[in-house]
Amino acid sequence: MERTLILFKPDCVQRRLVGRVLARFEDKGLNVVAMKMMQITPELAKKHYAEHVEKAWYPTLEGFITGAPVVAAIIEGLEAIRVIRDMLGATSGLKAAAGTIRGDFSSSRQMNLVHASDGPEAAAREMKLYFRDEEICASEPTLRPWLRASDEN
C-alpha cells in the first residue's frame, strides 16, 4: 500500500466540495487513514512550499493557502500517488480534462481545489508536516476483497 497527503485547499472547503471530491477517492477504492480540518499558518506554508518560497509569486500562494481552513488527509491504496494525481488532472483547471476533479470543478491554476503529493519522497515529507504518527488510523476495509483480486498487493 502506498500513502499520500491530500490537502483540500481553501477554495475546495469554501465551495463545499470536500465531500464530493473525497467520495471520488473512496469510490475508486482508496482508503482514508487520517483526516482533519486545520488552518495553515505562514510558517507551515513555508515548510510545505519550501522550493517556491523565493519565487516572485509565492506571496500570492501563501495568502491563498493560509486564507481559510483546509482539510488535510492521508489516503492509501495501490499506486495511490499516481492514481490520485491522474484523478485530479492538470494543475490548471482550464487545461484539465473533463472527468477529472479539476476539469469538472476548477477554472483556475491556483484555485485548483486539491494538493496531492507528487512522489513518494514528497508524500513522506508532507505527511510528517501535517500528521503525527498517532493520528494515522490504519485499517483494512472489510470490502477490500471486492475491490481487487487477492494477488494485487
N, C-alpha and C. Protein backbone atom coordinates (compact mmCIF):
# COMPACT_ATOMS: atom_id res chain seq x y z
N MET A 1 0.83 -1.18 0.00
CA MET A 1 0.00 0.00 0.00
C MET A 1 0.88 1.25 0.00
N GLU A 2 0.48 2.21 -0.77
CA GLU A 2 1.18 3.48 -0.83
C GLU A 2 0.29 4.54 -0.20
N ARG A 3 0.91 5.46 0.53
CA ARG A 3 0.19 6.56 1.16
C ARG A 3 0.61 7.88 0.57
N THR A 4 -0.32 8.83 0.58
CA THR A 4 -0.04 10.17 0.08
C THR A 4 -0.82 11.20 0.87
N LEU A 5 -0.31 12.42 0.87
CA LEU A 5 -1.01 13.53 1.52
C LEU A 5 -1.92 14.20 0.50
N ILE A 6 -3.10 14.52 0.94
CA ILE A 6 -4.06 15.30 0.16
C ILE A 6 -4.42 16.52 1.00
N LEU A 7 -4.43 17.69 0.38
CA LEU A 7 -4.97 18.89 1.02
C LEU A 7 -6.16 19.35 0.20
N PHE A 8 -7.31 19.37 0.82
CA PHE A 8 -8.47 20.00 0.21
C PHE A 8 -8.28 21.48 0.51
N LYS A 9 -7.89 22.22 -0.50
CA LYS A 9 -7.47 23.61 -0.34
C LYS A 9 -8.64 24.52 0.07
N PRO A 10 -8.30 25.77 0.46
CA PRO A 10 -9.35 26.69 0.91
C PRO A 10 -10.51 26.85 -0.08
N ASP A 11 -10.23 26.87 -1.39
CA ASP A 11 -11.32 27.01 -2.35
C ASP A 11 -12.24 25.81 -2.34
N CYS A 12 -11.69 24.62 -2.14
CA CYS A 12 -12.50 23.40 -2.06
C CYS A 12 -13.40 23.43 -0.82
N VAL A 13 -12.82 23.85 0.31
CA VAL A 13 -13.59 23.93 1.56
C VAL A 13 -14.67 25.00 1.44
N GLN A 14 -14.30 26.20 0.96
CA GLN A 14 -15.26 27.29 0.87
C GLN A 14 -16.39 26.99 -0.10
N ARG A 15 -16.09 26.26 -1.16
CA ARG A 15 -17.12 25.93 -2.14
C ARG A 15 -17.92 24.68 -1.75
N ARG A 16 -17.60 24.11 -0.58
CA ARG A 16 -18.31 22.94 -0.05
C ARG A 16 -18.23 21.74 -1.00
N LEU A 17 -17.02 21.52 -1.51
CA LEU A 17 -16.79 20.41 -2.43
C LEU A 17 -16.00 19.26 -1.81
N VAL A 18 -15.61 19.38 -0.54
CA VAL A 18 -14.78 18.35 0.08
C VAL A 18 -15.44 16.98 0.00
N GLY A 19 -16.70 16.89 0.36
CA GLY A 19 -17.39 15.61 0.34
C GLY A 19 -17.47 15.00 -1.04
N ARG A 20 -17.75 15.83 -2.04
CA ARG A 20 -17.86 15.33 -3.41
C ARG A 20 -16.53 14.83 -3.93
N VAL A 21 -15.45 15.55 -3.62
CA VAL A 21 -14.12 15.14 -4.07
C VAL A 21 -13.67 13.90 -3.30
N LEU A 22 -13.87 13.90 -1.99
CA LEU A 22 -13.50 12.74 -1.18
C LEU A 22 -14.23 11.49 -1.65
N ALA A 23 -15.49 11.64 -2.00
CA ALA A 23 -16.28 10.50 -2.48
C ALA A 23 -15.65 9.88 -3.73
N ARG A 24 -15.06 10.69 -4.58
CA ARG A 24 -14.41 10.15 -5.78
C ARG A 24 -13.24 9.25 -5.40
N PHE A 25 -12.45 9.68 -4.41
CA PHE A 25 -11.33 8.85 -3.97
C PHE A 25 -11.84 7.54 -3.36
N GLU A 26 -12.87 7.66 -2.53
CA GLU A 26 -13.43 6.45 -1.91
C GLU A 26 -14.08 5.54 -2.96
N ASP A 27 -14.77 6.13 -3.92
CA ASP A 27 -15.38 5.33 -4.99
C ASP A 27 -14.32 4.56 -5.78
N LYS A 28 -13.13 5.10 -5.86
CA LYS A 28 -12.02 4.46 -6.58
C LYS A 28 -11.44 3.29 -5.78
N GLY A 29 -11.83 3.19 -4.49
CA GLY A 29 -11.32 2.11 -3.64
C GLY A 29 -10.15 2.52 -2.78
N LEU A 30 -9.85 3.82 -2.74
CA LEU A 30 -8.78 4.32 -1.88
C LEU A 30 -9.30 4.46 -0.45
N ASN A 31 -8.40 4.35 0.51
CA ASN A 31 -8.76 4.32 1.91
C ASN A 31 -8.23 5.56 2.64
N VAL A 32 -9.08 6.25 3.37
CA VAL A 32 -8.67 7.39 4.19
C VAL A 32 -8.16 6.85 5.52
N VAL A 33 -6.91 7.19 5.87
CA VAL A 33 -6.35 6.72 7.14
C VAL A 33 -6.11 7.84 8.13
N ALA A 34 -6.27 9.09 7.69
CA ALA A 34 -6.16 10.25 8.59
C ALA A 34 -6.84 11.44 7.91
N MET A 35 -7.49 12.26 8.74
CA MET A 35 -8.13 13.47 8.18
C MET A 35 -8.40 14.46 9.30
N LYS A 36 -8.20 15.76 9.00
CA LYS A 36 -8.53 16.82 9.95
C LYS A 36 -8.66 18.15 9.22
N MET A 37 -9.49 19.01 9.80
CA MET A 37 -9.60 20.38 9.31
C MET A 37 -8.63 21.23 10.12
N MET A 38 -7.97 22.15 9.42
CA MET A 38 -6.97 22.97 10.11
C MET A 38 -6.75 24.26 9.33
N GLN A 39 -6.12 25.20 10.00
CA GLN A 39 -5.71 26.46 9.39
C GLN A 39 -4.20 26.38 9.17
N ILE A 40 -3.75 26.52 7.95
CA ILE A 40 -2.32 26.51 7.67
C ILE A 40 -1.74 27.87 8.04
N THR A 41 -0.69 27.86 8.82
CA THR A 41 0.00 29.09 9.22
C THR A 41 1.02 29.47 8.14
N PRO A 42 1.45 30.73 8.13
CA PRO A 42 2.52 31.10 7.20
C PRO A 42 3.78 30.24 7.38
N GLU A 43 4.09 29.88 8.62
CA GLU A 43 5.26 29.05 8.89
C GLU A 43 5.12 27.66 8.26
N LEU A 44 3.96 27.05 8.41
CA LEU A 44 3.72 25.73 7.80
C LEU A 44 3.72 25.84 6.28
N ALA A 45 3.14 26.90 5.75
CA ALA A 45 3.13 27.10 4.30
C ALA A 45 4.56 27.17 3.76
N LYS A 46 5.43 27.87 4.46
CA LYS A 46 6.83 27.98 4.02
C LYS A 46 7.52 26.63 4.05
N LYS A 47 7.21 25.79 5.01
CA LYS A 47 7.80 24.44 5.05
C LYS A 47 7.23 23.58 3.92
N HIS A 48 5.94 23.64 3.75
CA HIS A 48 5.29 22.82 2.72
C HIS A 48 5.77 23.21 1.32
N TYR A 49 5.81 24.50 1.05
CA TYR A 49 6.18 25.01 -0.28
C TYR A 49 7.61 25.54 -0.30
N ALA A 50 8.52 24.90 0.44
CA ALA A 50 9.90 25.39 0.59
C ALA A 50 10.59 25.68 -0.74
N GLU A 51 10.34 24.86 -1.74
CA GLU A 51 11.02 25.05 -3.03
C GLU A 51 10.50 26.28 -3.79
N HIS A 52 9.39 26.85 -3.33
CA HIS A 52 8.79 28.00 -4.03
C HIS A 52 8.93 29.33 -3.28
N VAL A 53 9.41 29.30 -2.06
CA VAL A 53 9.41 30.49 -1.19
C VAL A 53 10.10 31.69 -1.84
N GLU A 54 11.15 31.48 -2.59
CA GLU A 54 11.91 32.58 -3.19
C GLU A 54 11.32 33.07 -4.51
N LYS A 55 10.29 32.41 -5.01
CA LYS A 55 9.71 32.81 -6.30
C LYS A 55 8.81 34.03 -6.11
N ALA A 56 8.75 34.84 -7.14
CA ALA A 56 8.01 36.11 -7.08
C ALA A 56 6.53 35.90 -6.75
N TRP A 57 5.96 34.81 -7.17
CA TRP A 57 4.53 34.56 -6.97
C TRP A 57 4.20 33.88 -5.64
N TYR A 58 5.24 33.54 -4.85
CA TYR A 58 4.98 32.84 -3.59
C TYR A 58 4.06 33.60 -2.63
N PRO A 59 4.20 34.91 -2.44
CA PRO A 59 3.30 35.60 -1.50
C PRO A 59 1.82 35.39 -1.84
N THR A 60 1.48 35.35 -3.12
CA THR A 60 0.09 35.11 -3.51
C THR A 60 -0.33 33.70 -3.11
N LEU A 61 0.55 32.72 -3.34
CA LEU A 61 0.27 31.34 -2.94
C LEU A 61 0.09 31.24 -1.44
N GLU A 62 0.98 31.85 -0.68
CA GLU A 62 0.87 31.80 0.79
C GLU A 62 -0.42 32.45 1.26
N GLY A 63 -0.77 33.59 0.68
CA GLY A 63 -2.01 34.25 1.06
C GLY A 63 -3.22 33.38 0.80
N PHE A 64 -3.19 32.66 -0.31
CA PHE A 64 -4.30 31.77 -0.65
C PHE A 64 -4.39 30.59 0.31
N ILE A 65 -3.28 29.89 0.52
CA ILE A 65 -3.31 28.65 1.31
C ILE A 65 -3.54 28.92 2.80
N THR A 66 -3.21 30.13 3.26
CA THR A 66 -3.44 30.47 4.67
C THR A 66 -4.73 31.28 4.87
N GLY A 67 -5.45 31.56 3.80
CA GLY A 67 -6.60 32.45 3.85
C GLY A 67 -7.86 31.87 4.43
N ALA A 68 -7.96 30.55 4.52
CA ALA A 68 -9.15 29.89 5.07
C ALA A 68 -8.74 28.46 5.41
N PRO A 69 -9.56 27.75 6.18
CA PRO A 69 -9.19 26.39 6.56
C PRO A 69 -9.03 25.45 5.36
N VAL A 70 -8.25 24.40 5.60
CA VAL A 70 -8.08 23.30 4.65
C VAL A 70 -8.50 22.03 5.37
N VAL A 71 -8.71 20.97 4.62
CA VAL A 71 -8.87 19.64 5.19
C VAL A 71 -7.68 18.83 4.69
N ALA A 72 -6.89 18.34 5.64
CA ALA A 72 -5.72 17.52 5.31
C ALA A 72 -6.10 16.06 5.50
N ALA A 73 -5.61 15.21 4.62
CA ALA A 73 -5.91 13.78 4.71
C ALA A 73 -4.73 12.96 4.22
N ILE A 74 -4.62 11.78 4.75
CA ILE A 74 -3.70 10.78 4.22
C ILE A 74 -4.57 9.69 3.62
N ILE A 75 -4.29 9.38 2.38
CA ILE A 75 -5.06 8.37 1.65
C ILE A 75 -4.10 7.29 1.19
N GLU A 76 -4.54 6.03 1.30
CA GLU A 76 -3.69 4.93 0.88
C GLU A 76 -4.39 4.04 -0.13
N GLY A 77 -3.58 3.36 -0.90
CA GLY A 77 -4.09 2.42 -1.89
C GLY A 77 -2.97 2.00 -2.82
N LEU A 78 -3.24 1.08 -3.69
CA LEU A 78 -2.26 0.67 -4.68
C LEU A 78 -1.96 1.84 -5.61
N GLU A 79 -0.68 2.17 -5.76
CA GLU A 79 -0.26 3.27 -6.62
C GLU A 79 -1.03 4.56 -6.33
N ALA A 80 -1.29 4.80 -5.06
CA ALA A 80 -2.15 5.93 -4.65
C ALA A 80 -1.67 7.27 -5.19
N ILE A 81 -0.36 7.51 -5.20
CA ILE A 81 0.14 8.81 -5.65
C ILE A 81 -0.22 9.04 -7.12
N ARG A 82 0.09 8.09 -7.98
CA ARG A 82 -0.21 8.23 -9.40
C ARG A 82 -1.70 8.27 -9.66
N VAL A 83 -2.44 7.37 -9.01
CA VAL A 83 -3.88 7.29 -9.23
C VAL A 83 -4.56 8.61 -8.87
N ILE A 84 -4.22 9.16 -7.72
CA ILE A 84 -4.85 10.41 -7.28
C ILE A 84 -4.46 11.57 -8.19
N ARG A 85 -3.20 11.65 -8.57
CA ARG A 85 -2.79 12.75 -9.46
C ARG A 85 -3.48 12.64 -10.81
N ASP A 86 -3.66 11.42 -11.30
CA ASP A 86 -4.42 11.23 -12.54
C ASP A 86 -5.87 11.66 -12.37
N MET A 87 -6.46 11.34 -11.22
CA MET A 87 -7.84 11.73 -10.95
C MET A 87 -8.00 13.25 -10.87
N LEU A 88 -6.97 13.93 -10.35
CA LEU A 88 -7.03 15.38 -10.22
C LEU A 88 -6.98 16.08 -11.57
N GLY A 89 -6.16 15.59 -12.49
CA GLY A 89 -5.99 16.23 -13.78
C GLY A 89 -4.92 17.30 -13.75
N ALA A 90 -4.77 18.01 -14.85
CA ALA A 90 -3.74 19.04 -14.97
C ALA A 90 -3.88 20.09 -13.87
N THR A 91 -2.75 20.72 -13.52
CA THR A 91 -2.74 21.72 -12.46
C THR A 91 -3.75 22.83 -12.70
N SER A 92 -3.83 23.32 -13.90
CA SER A 92 -4.80 24.36 -14.23
C SER A 92 -6.14 23.73 -14.56
N GLY A 93 -7.15 24.17 -13.88
CA GLY A 93 -8.49 23.68 -14.18
C GLY A 93 -8.91 23.95 -15.61
N LEU A 94 -8.35 25.00 -16.22
CA LEU A 94 -8.67 25.33 -17.60
C LEU A 94 -8.06 24.32 -18.59
N LYS A 95 -7.01 23.63 -18.16
CA LYS A 95 -6.34 22.65 -19.02
C LYS A 95 -6.66 21.20 -18.63
N ALA A 96 -7.32 21.01 -17.50
CA ALA A 96 -7.62 19.66 -17.03
C ALA A 96 -8.77 19.06 -17.84
N ALA A 97 -8.64 17.80 -18.14
CA ALA A 97 -9.64 17.10 -18.94
C ALA A 97 -10.96 16.96 -18.19
N ALA A 98 -12.04 17.03 -18.92
CA ALA A 98 -13.36 16.75 -18.35
C ALA A 98 -13.32 15.35 -17.76
N GLY A 99 -13.98 15.19 -16.64
CA GLY A 99 -13.98 13.90 -15.95
C GLY A 99 -12.97 13.84 -14.83
N THR A 100 -11.95 14.73 -14.88
CA THR A 100 -11.02 14.82 -13.75
C THR A 100 -11.62 15.78 -12.73
N ILE A 101 -11.12 15.74 -11.52
CA ILE A 101 -11.65 16.61 -10.47
C ILE A 101 -11.47 18.08 -10.85
N ARG A 102 -10.27 18.45 -11.28
CA ARG A 102 -10.04 19.85 -11.66
C ARG A 102 -10.78 20.21 -12.94
N GLY A 103 -10.87 19.27 -13.85
CA GLY A 103 -11.58 19.52 -15.10
C GLY A 103 -13.06 19.76 -14.87
N ASP A 104 -13.60 19.10 -13.87
CA ASP A 104 -15.03 19.24 -13.58
C ASP A 104 -15.36 20.41 -12.65
N PHE A 105 -14.44 20.79 -11.77
CA PHE A 105 -14.78 21.76 -10.73
C PHE A 105 -13.93 23.02 -10.68
N SER A 106 -12.84 23.12 -11.47
CA SER A 106 -11.93 24.26 -11.35
C SER A 106 -11.77 24.98 -12.68
N SER A 107 -11.57 26.29 -12.60
CA SER A 107 -11.25 27.07 -13.80
C SER A 107 -10.10 28.02 -13.48
N SER A 108 -9.16 27.55 -12.65
CA SER A 108 -8.05 28.38 -12.20
C SER A 108 -6.79 27.54 -12.10
N ARG A 109 -5.63 28.19 -12.21
CA ARG A 109 -4.35 27.50 -11.99
C ARG A 109 -4.10 27.36 -10.49
N GLN A 110 -4.31 28.43 -9.74
CA GLN A 110 -4.03 28.41 -8.30
C GLN A 110 -5.18 27.80 -7.51
N MET A 111 -6.38 28.21 -7.81
CA MET A 111 -7.54 27.69 -7.08
C MET A 111 -7.98 26.40 -7.77
N ASN A 112 -7.16 25.37 -7.55
CA ASN A 112 -7.38 24.09 -8.23
C ASN A 112 -7.82 22.99 -7.26
N LEU A 113 -8.35 23.39 -6.13
CA LEU A 113 -9.10 22.56 -5.19
C LEU A 113 -8.30 21.62 -4.31
N VAL A 114 -7.34 20.89 -4.86
CA VAL A 114 -6.69 19.83 -4.10
C VAL A 114 -5.19 19.81 -4.37
N HIS A 115 -4.41 19.67 -3.31
CA HIS A 115 -2.98 19.38 -3.44
C HIS A 115 -2.81 17.89 -3.22
N ALA A 116 -1.96 17.27 -4.02
CA ALA A 116 -1.59 15.87 -3.82
C ALA A 116 -0.08 15.74 -3.97
N SER A 117 0.55 15.01 -3.09
CA SER A 117 1.99 14.81 -3.17
C SER A 117 2.38 14.29 -4.54
N ASP A 118 3.55 14.74 -5.03
CA ASP A 118 3.94 14.38 -6.39
C ASP A 118 4.87 13.17 -6.49
N GLY A 119 5.22 12.56 -5.37
CA GLY A 119 6.06 11.38 -5.39
C GLY A 119 6.22 10.83 -3.98
N PRO A 120 6.82 9.66 -3.85
CA PRO A 120 6.96 9.03 -2.53
C PRO A 120 7.74 9.86 -1.52
N GLU A 121 8.82 10.51 -1.97
CA GLU A 121 9.62 11.32 -1.04
C GLU A 121 8.83 12.53 -0.56
N ALA A 122 8.16 13.20 -1.49
CA ALA A 122 7.33 14.35 -1.12
C ALA A 122 6.20 13.91 -0.19
N ALA A 123 5.59 12.77 -0.49
CA ALA A 123 4.50 12.28 0.36
C ALA A 123 4.98 12.04 1.79
N ALA A 124 6.13 11.40 1.94
CA ALA A 124 6.67 11.12 3.27
C ALA A 124 6.95 12.41 4.02
N ARG A 125 7.56 13.39 3.34
CA ARG A 125 7.87 14.68 3.97
C ARG A 125 6.61 15.43 4.34
N GLU A 126 5.65 15.49 3.42
CA GLU A 126 4.43 16.26 3.64
C GLU A 126 3.53 15.63 4.71
N MET A 127 3.43 14.31 4.73
CA MET A 127 2.60 13.66 5.76
C MET A 127 3.11 14.01 7.15
N LYS A 128 4.44 14.07 7.31
CA LYS A 128 5.02 14.42 8.62
C LYS A 128 4.76 15.87 9.00
N LEU A 129 4.58 16.75 8.01
CA LEU A 129 4.27 18.15 8.31
C LEU A 129 2.87 18.31 8.89
N TYR A 130 1.95 17.45 8.49
CA TYR A 130 0.54 17.63 8.84
C TYR A 130 -0.01 16.63 9.87
N PHE A 131 0.67 15.49 10.03
CA PHE A 131 0.13 14.47 10.93
C PHE A 131 1.23 13.86 11.79
N ARG A 132 0.87 13.61 13.07
CA ARG A 132 1.72 12.82 13.96
C ARG A 132 1.38 11.34 13.73
N ASP A 133 2.30 10.46 14.02
CA ASP A 133 2.08 9.02 13.80
C ASP A 133 0.79 8.54 14.47
N GLU A 134 0.52 9.02 15.67
CA GLU A 134 -0.66 8.55 16.40
C GLU A 134 -1.99 9.05 15.80
N GLU A 135 -1.92 9.97 14.87
CA GLU A 135 -3.14 10.45 14.21
C GLU A 135 -3.53 9.59 13.00
N ILE A 136 -2.66 8.67 12.63
CA ILE A 136 -2.93 7.81 11.47
C ILE A 136 -3.62 6.54 11.96
N CYS A 137 -4.78 6.26 11.39
CA CYS A 137 -5.61 5.12 11.81
C CYS A 137 -5.67 4.09 10.69
N ALA A 138 -4.63 3.33 10.56
CA ALA A 138 -4.59 2.31 9.51
C ALA A 138 -5.61 1.22 9.82
N SER A 139 -6.35 0.85 8.80
CA SER A 139 -7.31 -0.24 8.98
C SER A 139 -7.56 -0.89 7.63
N GLU A 140 -7.98 -2.09 7.64
CA GLU A 140 -8.29 -2.84 6.43
C GLU A 140 -9.81 -2.80 6.23
N PRO A 141 -10.28 -2.10 5.21
CA PRO A 141 -11.73 -2.08 4.98
C PRO A 141 -12.26 -3.49 4.73
N THR A 142 -13.42 -3.78 5.28
CA THR A 142 -13.98 -5.13 5.12
C THR A 142 -14.37 -5.42 3.68
N LEU A 143 -14.53 -4.40 2.86
CA LEU A 143 -14.89 -4.64 1.47
C LEU A 143 -13.68 -4.80 0.56
N ARG A 144 -12.48 -4.80 1.10
CA ARG A 144 -11.26 -4.91 0.29
C ARG A 144 -11.31 -6.08 -0.69
N PRO A 145 -11.80 -7.27 -0.30
CA PRO A 145 -11.83 -8.38 -1.26
C PRO A 145 -12.70 -8.11 -2.49
N TRP A 146 -13.57 -7.11 -2.39
CA TRP A 146 -14.46 -6.80 -3.51
C TRP A 146 -13.93 -5.64 -4.35
N LEU A 147 -12.78 -5.11 -3.98
CA LEU A 147 -12.17 -4.00 -4.71
C LEU A 147 -11.07 -4.45 -5.67
N ARG A 148 -10.37 -5.54 -5.31
CA ARG A 148 -9.29 -6.06 -6.16
C ARG A 148 -8.99 -7.51 -5.80
N ALA A 149 -8.34 -8.19 -6.72
CA ALA A 149 -8.02 -9.59 -6.53
C ALA A 149 -7.01 -9.76 -5.39
N SER A 150 -7.00 -10.91 -4.76
CA SER A 150 -6.14 -11.15 -3.60
C SER A 150 -4.66 -11.07 -3.95
N ASP A 151 -4.28 -11.27 -5.22
CA ASP A 151 -2.87 -11.20 -5.60
C ASP A 151 -2.44 -9.79 -6.05
N GLU A 152 -3.31 -8.81 -5.93
CA GLU A 152 -2.98 -7.41 -6.27
C GLU A 152 -2.59 -6.68 -4.99
N ASN A 153 -1.30 -6.67 -4.70
CA ASN A 153 -0.82 -6.02 -3.48
C ASN A 153 -0.01 -4.83 -3.81
